[in-house]
Amino acid sequence: MGKEFKVKRKWKICCAVTAILIIVIAVVLVTLAFTLFKPKDPKIIPQSVTLEGFRLVVSPSITGNLSLELAVTVDNRNYGGFDYDNSTSYINYRGNLVAEAPIGKDTIRPRSKHNVSASVIIFADRLAADGNFLNDFFAGVFNFTSSTRLQGKVNVFNIFKLQASSSSSCNITVFIQNQTADWVCTSKIRL
């Protein structure tokens, strides 16, 4: 009976130590999930917006185009890579869609920066469809908004693969007189 008691006691100690270890590991994993591995918004850092050209012919009809070269750096501050699919960036003028720029699929590595650039041609006839076009033209300033949504997966240590989307919205101001552009962006990531 003494030997059986010692075996039961050792078994109980082993189970208790194992249970405590499992609890400690679970607490550590939950803490890491809510702190270190918690998804963070990527930072979108504007590098340049360049007005490549502006050509406008008013008579007999409004024709021409506005060419923009956009370059941004996306700073992925997460400990997981973000693989995104092909997407499109939409450029709006006073709420009306005036141009689209394709974005090819790619991967943003964990804790790294990724450069993205695109050329956009906005045709004057699409701008002229808005009644405020001539007022904006004579004022020398055009205000655009761009929106982009990237769908993909966040991959943490090749173990956790979560569906995610990252979206950004930018306000772009084009100054015709001195051929420059300025912009401000915001972004969000959703799991």
C-alpha atoms as a PDB file:
ATOM      1  CA  MET A   1       0.000   0.000   0.000  1.00  0.00           C
ATOM      2  CA  GLY A   2       2.899   2.379   0.646  1.00  0.00           C
ATOM      3  CA  LYS A   3       4.310   1.863  -2.819  1.00  0.00           C
ATOM      4  CA  GLU A   4       0.924   2.462  -4.428  1.00  0.00           C
ATOM      5  CA  PHE A   5       0.512   5.680  -2.411  1.00  0.00           C
ATOM      6  CA  LYS A   6       3.919   6.968  -3.647  1.00  0.00           C
ATOM      7  CA  VAL A   7       2.992   6.229  -7.295  1.00  0.00           C
ATOM      8  CA  LYS A   8      -0.356   8.031  -6.924  1.00  0.00           C
ATOM      9  CA  ARG A   9       1.374  10.956  -5.239  1.00  0.00           C
ATOM     10  CA  LYS A  10       4.000  11.197  -8.031  1.00  0.00           C
ATOM     11  CA  TRP A  11       1.229  10.979 -10.607  1.00  0.00           C
ATOM     12  CA  LYS A  12      -0.707  13.810  -8.921  1.00  0.00           C
ATOM     13  CA  ILE A  13       2.426  15.985  -8.746  1.00  0.00           C
ATOM     14  CA  CYS A  14       3.155  15.314 -12.424  1.00  0.00           C
ATOM     15  CA  CYS A  15      -0.422  16.225 -13.395  1.00  0.00           C
ATOM     16  CA  ALA A  16      -0.338  19.371 -11.263  1.00  0.00           C
ATOM     17  CA  VAL A  17       2.987  20.524 -12.744  1.00  0.00           C
ATOM     18  CA  THR A  18       1.713  19.813 -16.272  1.00  0.00           C
ATOM     19  CA  ALA A  19      -1.519  21.729 -15.608  1.00  0.00           C
ATOM     20  CA  ILE A  20       0.417  24.711 -14.204  1.00  0.00           C
ATOM     21  CA  LEU A  21       2.744  24.653 -17.216  1.00  0.00           C
ATOM     22  CA  ILE A  22      -0.216  24.593 -19.626  1.00  0.00           C
ATOM     23  CA  ILE A  23      -1.834  27.498 -17.777  1.00  0.00           C
ATOM     24  CA  VAL A  24       1.414  29.529 -17.845  1.00  0.00           C
ATOM     25  CA  ILE A  25       1.885  28.857 -21.577  1.00  0.00           C
ATOM     26  CA  ALA A  26      -1.757  29.818 -22.279  1.00  0.00           C
ATOM     27  CA  VAL A  27      -1.387  33.064 -20.289  1.00  0.00           C
ATOM     28  CA  VAL A  28       1.839  33.912 -22.150  1.00  0.00           C
ATOM     29  CA  LEU A  29       0.238  33.204 -25.556  1.00  0.00           C
ATOM     30  CA  VAL A  30      -2.862  35.258 -24.754  1.00  0.00           C
ATOM     31  CA  THR A  31      -0.687  38.127 -23.494  1.00  0.00           C
ATOM     32  CA  LEU A  32       1.429  38.012 -26.665  1.00  0.00           C
ATOM     33  CA  ALA A  33      -1.693  37.862 -28.849  1.00  0.00           C
ATOM     34  CA  PHE A  34      -3.088  41.023 -27.260  1.00  0.00           C
ATOM     35  CA  THR A  35       0.209  42.938 -27.158  1.00  0.00           C
ATOM     36  CA  LEU A  36       3.072  41.954 -29.411  1.00  0.00           C
ATOM     37  CA  PHE A  37       1.111  40.142 -32.152  1.00  0.00           C
ATOM     38  CA  LYS A  38      -1.903  42.432 -32.104  1.00  0.00           C
ATOM     39  CA  PRO A  39      -2.383  43.742 -35.662  1.00  0.00           C
ATOM     40  CA  LYS A  40      -1.371  47.361 -36.076  1.00  0.00           C
ATOM     41  CA  ASP A  41      -2.323  49.796 -38.799  1.00  0.00           C
ATOM     42  CA  PRO A  42       0.356  49.999 -41.451  1.00  0.00           C
ATOM     43  CA  LYS A  43       1.857  53.443 -41.802  1.00  0.00           C
ATOM     44  CA  ILE A  44       1.499  54.905 -45.263  1.00  0.00           C
ATOM     45  CA  ILE A  45       4.281  57.400 -45.822  1.00  0.00           C
ATOM     46  CA  PRO A  46       3.875  59.644 -48.884  1.00  0.00           C
ATOM     47  CA  GLN A  47       7.157  59.844 -50.765  1.00  0.00           C
ATOM     48  CA  SER A  48       6.060  61.969 -53.690  1.00  0.00           C
ATOM     49  CA  VAL A  49       3.123  63.064 -55.749  1.00  0.00           C
ATOM     50  CA  THR A  50       4.298  64.544 -58.995  1.00  0.00           C
ATOM     51  CA  LEU A  51       2.187  66.288 -61.565  1.00  0.00           C
ATOM     52  CA  GLU A  52       3.787  64.858 -64.713  1.00  0.00           C
ATOM     53  CA  GLY A  53       1.737  66.934 -67.085  1.00  0.00           C
ATOM     54  CA  PHE A  54      -1.410  68.903 -67.625  1.00  0.00           C
ATOM     55  CA  ARG A  55      -2.814  69.536 -71.076  1.00  0.00           C
ATOM     56  CA  LEU A  56      -6.178  71.167 -71.712  1.00  0.00           C
ATOM     57  CA  VAL A  57      -7.905  72.182 -74.938  1.00  0.00           C
ATOM     58  CA  VAL A  58     -11.195  74.023 -74.479  1.00  0.00           C
ATOM     59  CA  SER A  59     -12.384  74.566 -78.060  1.00  0.00           C
ATOM     60  CA  PRO A  60     -14.346  73.016 -79.780  1.00  0.00           C
ATOM     61  CA  SER A  61     -14.749  70.636 -76.819  1.00  0.00           C
ATOM     62  CA  ILE A  62     -12.879  70.098 -73.566  1.00  0.00           C
ATOM     63  CA  THR A  63     -10.103  67.544 -74.078  1.00  0.00           C
ATOM     64  CA  GLY A  64      -6.750  66.793 -72.505  1.00  0.00           C
ATOM     65  CA  ASN A  65      -5.428  64.995 -69.484  1.00  0.00           C
ATOM     66  CA  LEU A  66      -3.761  65.285 -66.114  1.00  0.00           C
ATOM     67  CA  SER A  67      -0.931  62.820 -65.349  1.00  0.00           C
ATOM     68  CA  LEU A  68       0.056  62.030 -61.775  1.00  0.00           C
ATOM     69  CA  GLU A  69       2.940  59.879 -60.538  1.00  0.00           C
ATOM     70  CA  LEU A  70       2.259  58.587 -57.026  1.00  0.00           C
ATOM     71  CA  ALA A  71       4.875  56.981 -54.774  1.00  0.00           C
ATOM     72  CA  VAL A  72       4.325  55.802 -51.195  1.00  0.00           C
ATOM     73  CA  THR A  73       6.096  53.613 -48.670  1.00  0.00           C
ATOM     74  CA  VAL A  74       4.000  51.198 -46.636  1.00  0.00           C
ATOM     75  CA  ASP A  75       5.533  50.440 -43.231  1.00  0.00           C
ATOM     76  CA  ASN A  76       4.299  47.056 -41.966  1.00  0.00           C
ATOM     77  CA  ARG A  77       4.799  47.280 -38.187  1.00  0.00           C
ATOM     78  CA  ASN A  78       3.359  43.808 -37.559  1.00  0.00           C
ATOM     79  CA  TYR A  79       5.203  40.593 -36.740  1.00  0.00           C
ATOM     80  CA  GLY A  80       3.372  38.878 -39.584  1.00  0.00           C
ATOM     81  CA  GLY A  81       3.730  39.316 -43.329  1.00  0.00           C
ATOM     82  CA  PHE A  82       0.809  40.623 -45.385  1.00  0.00           C
ATOM     83  CA  ASP A  83       0.161  38.904 -48.745  1.00  0.00           C
ATOM     84  CA  TYR A  84      -2.319  40.915 -50.804  1.00  0.00           C
ATOM     85  CA  ASP A  85      -4.089  40.167 -54.096  1.00  0.00           C
ATOM     86  CA  ASN A  86      -4.426  42.298 -57.233  1.00  0.00           C
ATOM     87  CA  SER A  87      -6.341  45.468 -56.496  1.00  0.00           C
ATOM     88  CA  THR A  88      -7.290  48.839 -57.905  1.00  0.00           C
ATOM     89  CA  SER A  89      -6.904  52.356 -56.601  1.00  0.00           C
ATOM     90  CA  TYR A  90      -9.818  54.645 -57.437  1.00  0.00           C
ATOM     91  CA  ILE A  91      -9.444  58.404 -58.000  1.00  0.00           C
ATOM     92  CA  ASN A  92     -12.539  60.563 -57.464  1.00  0.00           C
ATOM     93  CA  TYR A  93     -13.171  64.211 -58.300  1.00  0.00           C
ATOM     94  CA  ARG A  94     -16.030  65.743 -56.315  1.00  0.00           C
ATOM     95  CA  GLY A  95     -17.507  62.285 -55.703  1.00  0.00           C
ATOM     96  CA  ASN A  96     -17.287  61.087 -59.327  1.00  0.00           C
ATOM     97  CA  LEU A  97     -14.905  58.330 -60.427  1.00  0.00           C
ATOM     98  CA  VAL A  98     -12.395  59.802 -62.897  1.00  0.00           C
ATOM     99  CA  ALA A  99      -9.504  57.300 -62.965  1.00  0.00           C
ATOM    100  CA  GLU A 100      -8.342  53.867 -61.862  1.00  0.00           C
ATOM    101  CA  ALA A 101      -4.809  52.609 -61.181  1.00  0.00           C
ATOM    102  CA  PRO A 102      -4.102  48.856 -61.010  1.00  0.00           C
ATOM    103  CA  ILE A 103      -2.012  47.502 -58.122  1.00  0.00           C
ATOM    104  CA  GLY A 104      -0.360  44.117 -58.620  1.00  0.00           C
ATOM    105  CA  LYS A 105      -0.357  41.459 -55.911  1.00  0.00           C
ATOM    106  CA  ASP A 106       2.632  41.422 -53.611  1.00  0.00           C
ATOM    107  CA  THR A 107       3.866  40.675 -50.103  1.00  0.00           C
ATOM    108  CA  ILE A 108       4.849  43.101 -47.373  1.00  0.00           C
ATOM    109  CA  ARG A 109       7.301  41.316 -45.109  1.00  0.00           C
ATOM    110  CA  PRO A 110       6.991  41.501 -41.310  1.00  0.00           C
ATOM    111  CA  ARG A 111       8.440  44.624 -39.696  1.00  0.00           C
ATOM    112  CA  SER A 112       9.592  46.057 -43.037  1.00  0.00           C
ATOM    113  CA  LYS A 113       8.879  48.843 -45.502  1.00  0.00           C
ATOM    114  CA  HIS A 114       7.517  48.353 -49.012  1.00  0.00           C
ATOM    115  CA  ASN A 115       7.540  50.906 -51.843  1.00  0.00           C
ATOM    116  CA  VAL A 116       4.515  51.202 -54.116  1.00  0.00           C
ATOM    117  CA  SER A 117       4.216  53.511 -57.108  1.00  0.00           C
ATOM    118  CA  ALA A 118       1.567  54.094 -59.742  1.00  0.00           C
ATOM    119  CA  SER A 119       0.922  56.346 -62.706  1.00  0.00           C
ATOM    120  CA  VAL A 120      -2.548  57.752 -63.156  1.00  0.00           C
ATOM    121  CA  ILE A 121      -3.949  59.545 -66.189  1.00  0.00           C
ATOM    122  CA  ILE A 122      -7.090  61.562 -65.556  1.00  0.00           C
ATOM    123  CA  PHE A 123      -8.882  62.654 -68.718  1.00  0.00           C
ATOM    124  CA  ALA A 124     -10.227  66.211 -68.844  1.00  0.00           C
ATOM    125  CA  ASP A 125     -13.592  65.185 -70.287  1.00  0.00           C
ATOM    126  CA  ARG A 126     -14.288  63.191 -67.102  1.00  0.00           C
ATOM    127  CA  LEU A 127     -13.380  66.231 -64.982  1.00  0.00           C
ATOM    128  CA  ALA A 128     -15.438  68.557 -67.193  1.00  0.00           C
ATOM    129  CA  ALA A 129     -18.547  66.456 -66.542  1.00  0.00           C
ATOM    130  CA  ASP A 130     -18.714  68.168 -63.132  1.00  0.00           C
ATOM    131  CA  GLY A 131     -20.221  71.664 -63.136  1.00  0.00           C
ATOM    132  CA  ASN A 132     -17.458  73.013 -60.863  1.00  0.00           C
ATOM    133  CA  PHE A 133     -14.630  72.059 -63.229  1.00  0.00           C
ATOM    134  CA  LEU A 134     -14.124  75.526 -64.744  1.00  0.00           C
ATOM    135  CA  ASN A 135     -14.265  77.212 -61.316  1.00  0.00           C
ATOM    136  CA  ASP A 136     -11.565  74.849 -60.028  1.00  0.00           C
ATOM    137  CA  PHE A 137      -9.507  75.300 -63.188  1.00  0.00           C
ATOM    138  CA  PHE A 138      -9.557  79.111 -62.950  1.00  0.00           C
ATOM    139  CA  ALA A 139      -8.776  78.872 -59.220  1.00  0.00           C
ATOM    140  CA  GLY A 140      -5.783  76.716 -60.196  1.00  0.00           C
ATOM    141  CA  VAL A 141      -6.552  73.925 -57.717  1.00  0.00           C
ATOM    142  CA  PHE A 142      -8.084  70.482 -58.185  1.00  0.00           C
ATOM    143  CA  ASN A 143      -8.975  68.339 -55.175  1.00  0.00           C
ATOM    144  CA  PHE A 144      -9.134  64.572 -55.602  1.00  0.00           C
ATOM    145  CA  THR A 145      -9.691  61.659 -53.263  1.00  0.00           C
ATOM    146  CA  SER A 146      -8.203  58.241 -53.784  1.00  0.00           C
ATOM    147  CA  SER A 147      -9.264  55.017 -52.142  1.00  0.00           C
ATOM    148  CA  THR A 148      -7.543  51.661 -52.163  1.00  0.00           C
ATOM    149  CA  ARG A 149      -8.449  48.390 -50.509  1.00  0.00           C
ATOM    150  CA  LEU A 150      -6.011  45.491 -50.365  1.00  0.00           C
ATOM    151  CA  GLN A 151      -7.446  42.050 -49.563  1.00  0.00           C
ATOM    152  CA  GLY A 152      -5.155  39.260 -48.420  1.00  0.00           C
ATOM    153  CA  LYS A 153      -3.792  37.242 -45.522  1.00  0.00           C
ATOM    154  CA  VAL A 154      -1.633  38.036 -42.526  1.00  0.00           C
ATOM    155  CA  ASN A 155       0.864  35.238 -41.963  1.00  0.00           C
ATOM    156  CA  VAL A 156       2.423  34.999 -38.483  1.00  0.00           C
ATOM    157  CA  PHE A 157       5.299  32.483 -38.220  1.00  0.00           C
ATOM    158  CA  ASN A 158       3.672  30.328 -40.940  1.00  0.00           C
ATOM    159  CA  ILE A 159       1.323  29.099 -38.204  1.00  0.00           C
ATOM    160  CA  PHE A 160      -1.490  31.645 -38.041  1.00  0.00           C
ATOM    161  CA  LYS A 161      -2.984  32.751 -41.363  1.00  0.00           C
ATOM    162  CA  LEU A 162      -5.766  35.276 -40.937  1.00  0.00           C
ATOM    163  CA  GLN A 163      -7.875  36.940 -43.607  1.00  0.00           C
ATOM    164  CA  ALA A 164      -7.157  40.663 -43.578  1.00  0.00           C
ATOM    165  CA  SER A 165      -7.782  43.794 -45.551  1.00  0.00           C
ATOM    166  CA  SER A 166      -5.948  47.073 -45.538  1.00  0.00           C
ATOM    167  CA  SER A 167      -7.585  50.203 -46.838  1.00  0.00           C
ATOM    168  CA  SER A 168      -6.287  53.695 -47.371  1.00  0.00           C
ATOM    169  CA  SER A 169      -7.860  56.984 -48.280  1.00  0.00           C
ATOM    170  CA  CYS A 170      -5.930  59.988 -49.553  1.00  0.00           C
ATOM    171  CA  ASN A 171      -6.831  63.598 -50.221  1.00  0.00           C
ATOM    172  CA  ILE A 172      -4.806  64.884 -53.173  1.00  0.00           C
ATOM    173  CA  THR A 173      -4.537  68.572 -54.048  1.00  0.00           C
ATOM    174  CA  VAL A 174      -3.111  69.479 -57.460  1.00  0.00           C
ATOM    175  CA  PHE A 175      -1.860  73.033 -58.001  1.00  0.00           C
ATOM    176  CA  ILE A 176      -1.978  73.825 -61.720  1.00  0.00           C
ATOM    177  CA  GLN A 177      -0.019  77.106 -61.632  1.00  0.00           C
ATOM    178  CA  ASN A 178       3.231  75.727 -60.205  1.00  0.00           C
ATOM    179  CA  GLN A 179       2.676  72.113 -61.421  1.00  0.00           C
ATOM    180  CA  THR A 180       2.836  70.532 -57.932  1.00  0.00           C
ATOM    181  CA  ALA A 181       0.672  68.257 -55.832  1.00  0.00           C
ATOM    182  CA  ASP A 182       0.222  67.589 -52.118  1.00  0.00           C
ATOM    183  CA  TRP A 183      -1.611  64.857 -50.205  1.00  0.00           C
ATOM    184  CA  VAL A 184      -2.611  63.412 -46.860  1.00  0.00           C
ATOM    185  CA  CYS A 185      -3.412  59.708 -46.290  1.00  0.00           C
ATOM    186  CA  THR A 186      -5.028  57.596 -43.617  1.00  0.00           C
ATOM    187  CA  SER A 187      -5.089  53.789 -43.437  1.00  0.00           C
ATOM    188  CA  LYS A 188      -6.715  50.908 -41.573  1.00  0.00           C
ATOM    189  CA  ILE A 189      -6.182  47.158 -41.366  1.00  0.00           C
ATOM    190  CA  ARG A 190      -8.965  44.758 -40.480  1.00  0.00           C
ATOM    191  CA  LEU A 191      -8.746  41.103 -39.499  1.00  0.00           C
END
